[in-house]
Amino acid sequence: MTIDISIQSEFLDDTPNNSMFLHLTIICGALKFCLGQSKKMSFIKLAYIFDKTINMESGAFSSKITLSPWLISADFKKSLVISEAHEYIEFHSKDGKGIKISISSKGEEYISNIEGLNIFQNYLDYLREIKLAENRFESPTIRCETNVY
């Protein structure tokens, strides 16, 4: 499997805003604090953690059997590609088993700097609390939530 990434000029010409730094913090923070025994995280696990963290959803990780539904936004995908292009994270694939993602030394340094500046601390604290095994994402059961009126 080959991963080809190209960033269009409109992504690089813009000045980063706070949301881009927040997205980078969540992505790198998840890869630093939520790996457990693994050295890499699956795309699906990172997408799930990102979605629940960006919304600061309480109790999102409490279920042991199923996962509540989530949305993978275009912002996440764009932030993931930009994070990789600027070498904060690394993509890996092996024998078509999907993409695994790891944090680079530049990403580790970024998180250390963020911690030193005491910004986005509520998000980093939220990420430190997450205890999700990678194998929960090998064949996840997604729970359908319906509203009862």
Protein backbone atom coordinates (compact mmCIF):
# COMPACT_ATOMS: atom_id res chain seq x y z
CA MET A 1 0.00 0.00 0.00
CA THR A 2 1.33 3.40 -0.94
CA ILE A 3 0.27 6.61 0.72
CA ASP A 4 0.63 9.64 -1.52
CA ILE A 5 0.01 12.99 0.12
CA SER A 6 -0.03 16.33 -1.55
CA ILE A 7 -1.03 19.56 0.08
CA GLN A 8 -2.66 22.12 -2.11
CA SER A 9 -1.29 25.63 -1.89
CA GLU A 10 -4.46 27.02 -0.29
CA PHE A 11 -3.69 24.98 2.83
CA LEU A 12 -0.14 26.27 3.11
CA ASP A 13 -0.78 29.92 2.34
CA ASP A 14 -3.13 30.52 5.25
CA THR A 15 -1.92 31.65 8.63
CA PRO A 16 -2.70 28.91 11.15
CA ASN A 17 -5.56 29.75 13.48
CA ASN A 18 -6.26 28.55 16.99
CA SER A 19 -8.37 25.65 15.76
CA MET A 20 -5.45 24.31 13.71
CA PHE A 21 -3.21 24.41 16.78
CA LEU A 22 -5.97 22.76 18.82
CA HIS A 23 -6.31 20.00 16.21
CA LEU A 24 -2.54 19.46 16.21
CA THR A 25 -2.57 19.34 20.01
CA ILE A 26 -5.35 16.73 20.07
CA ILE A 27 -3.72 14.59 17.38
CA CYS A 28 -0.24 14.67 18.95
CA GLY A 29 -1.65 14.44 22.48
CA ALA A 30 -3.70 11.36 21.58
CA LEU A 31 -0.62 9.74 20.07
CA LYS A 32 1.43 10.58 23.15
CA PHE A 33 -1.06 9.76 25.93
CA CYS A 34 -3.43 7.15 24.44
CA LEU A 35 -1.17 4.52 22.90
CA GLY A 36 -0.96 2.18 25.87
CA GLN A 37 1.49 -0.61 25.06
CA SER A 38 1.39 0.10 21.31
CA LYS A 39 3.86 2.26 19.46
CA LYS A 40 1.33 3.14 16.74
CA MET A 41 -2.39 3.92 16.63
CA SER A 42 -4.92 2.93 14.02
CA PHE A 43 -6.58 5.63 11.95
CA ILE A 44 -10.02 4.61 13.23
CA LYS A 45 -8.96 4.88 16.88
CA LEU A 46 -7.35 8.29 16.35
CA ALA A 47 -10.44 9.54 14.48
CA TYR A 48 -12.69 8.34 17.32
CA ILE A 49 -10.55 9.96 20.01
CA PHE A 50 -10.29 13.18 18.02
CA ASP A 51 -14.06 13.44 17.59
CA LYS A 52 -14.82 12.77 21.25
CA THR A 53 -12.06 15.08 22.48
CA ILE A 54 -12.88 18.04 20.25
CA ASN A 55 -16.40 17.95 21.74
CA MET A 56 -15.13 17.19 25.28
CA GLU A 57 -17.81 14.53 25.48
CA SER A 58 -18.01 13.22 29.03
CA GLY A 59 -18.40 9.48 29.39
CA ALA A 60 -17.53 8.90 25.74
CA PHE A 61 -15.02 6.18 26.57
CA SER A 62 -16.85 4.38 29.37
CA SER A 63 -18.50 1.63 27.30
CA LYS A 64 -16.59 -1.66 27.34
CA ILE A 65 -18.52 -3.45 24.59
CA THR A 66 -19.53 -0.99 21.90
CA LEU A 67 -18.55 2.43 20.69
CA SER A 68 -20.99 5.26 20.33
CA PRO A 69 -21.20 6.70 16.80
CA TRP A 70 -18.90 9.48 15.73
CA LEU A 71 -18.32 11.77 12.79
CA ILE A 72 -14.98 12.17 11.06
CA SER A 73 -14.96 15.75 9.94
CA ALA A 74 -13.13 17.25 7.01
CA ASP A 75 -11.22 19.40 9.51
CA PHE A 76 -9.78 16.25 11.10
CA LYS A 77 -8.67 14.85 7.76
CA LYS A 78 -7.08 18.15 6.73
CA SER A 79 -5.36 18.52 10.11
CA LEU A 80 -4.07 14.94 9.91
CA VAL A 81 -2.56 15.50 6.46
CA ILE A 82 -0.99 18.81 7.48
CA SER A 83 0.38 17.24 10.70
CA GLU A 84 2.04 14.52 8.65
CA ALA A 85 3.31 16.91 5.98
CA HIS A 86 4.99 19.05 8.64
CA GLU A 87 6.44 15.91 10.30
CA TYR A 88 4.57 16.04 13.63
CA ILE A 89 3.23 12.53 12.99
CA GLU A 90 4.17 9.61 10.76
CA PHE A 91 1.96 7.29 8.70
CA HIS A 92 2.76 3.58 8.50
CA SER A 93 1.09 0.74 6.66
CA LYS A 94 1.82 -2.94 6.53
CA ASP A 95 0.43 -5.48 4.09
CA GLY A 96 -2.81 -3.61 3.44
CA LYS A 97 -3.89 -3.77 7.09
CA GLY A 98 -4.76 -0.10 7.20
CA ILE A 99 -2.90 2.97 8.26
CA LYS A 100 -1.18 3.17 11.62
CA ILE A 101 -0.04 6.53 12.94
CA SER A 102 2.73 7.43 15.36
CA ILE A 103 4.00 10.66 16.88
CA SER A 104 7.39 11.94 15.71
CA SER A 105 10.04 13.61 17.85
CA LYS A 106 8.81 16.95 16.48
CA GLY A 107 5.29 16.09 17.68
CA GLU A 108 6.64 15.09 21.11
CA GLU A 109 8.47 18.42 21.32
CA TYR A 110 5.29 20.28 20.30
CA ILE A 111 3.29 18.65 23.11
CA SER A 112 6.04 19.41 25.62
CA ASN A 113 5.97 23.07 24.56
CA ILE A 114 2.16 23.19 24.80
CA GLU A 115 2.33 21.70 28.31
CA GLY A 116 4.95 24.28 29.29
CA LEU A 117 2.75 27.12 28.05
CA ASN A 118 -0.33 25.81 29.90
CA ILE A 119 -2.60 26.12 26.89
CA PHE A 120 -5.21 23.57 25.81
CA GLN A 121 -4.70 21.90 29.21
CA ASN A 122 -8.32 20.79 29.50
CA TYR A 123 -7.91 18.84 26.24
CA LEU A 124 -4.60 17.30 27.32
CA ASP A 125 -6.09 16.33 30.69
CA TYR A 126 -9.02 14.75 28.87
CA LEU A 127 -6.63 12.75 26.68
CA ARG A 128 -4.62 11.55 29.69
CA GLU A 129 -7.79 9.98 31.10
CA ILE A 130 -8.57 7.89 28.03
CA LYS A 131 -7.86 4.20 28.42
CA LEU A 132 -8.82 2.50 25.16
CA ALA A 133 -7.15 -0.67 23.97
CA GLU A 134 -6.23 -0.75 20.30
CA ASN A 135 -7.99 -4.11 19.85
CA ARG A 136 -11.37 -2.43 20.52
CA PHE A 137 -10.98 -0.90 17.06
CA GLU A 138 -10.11 -4.05 15.12
CA SER A 139 -13.79 -4.81 14.48
CA PRO A 140 -15.78 -2.23 16.40
CA THR A 141 -19.49 -2.51 17.03
CA ILE A 142 -20.97 0.93 16.54
CA ARG A 143 -24.01 1.57 18.70
CA CYS A 144 -26.90 3.34 17.01
CA GLU A 145 -28.32 6.01 19.25
CA THR A 146 -31.89 7.03 18.63
CA ASN A 147 -33.85 9.83 20.19
CA VAL A 148 -37.06 8.77 21.89
CA TYR A 149 -39.74 11.42 22.02
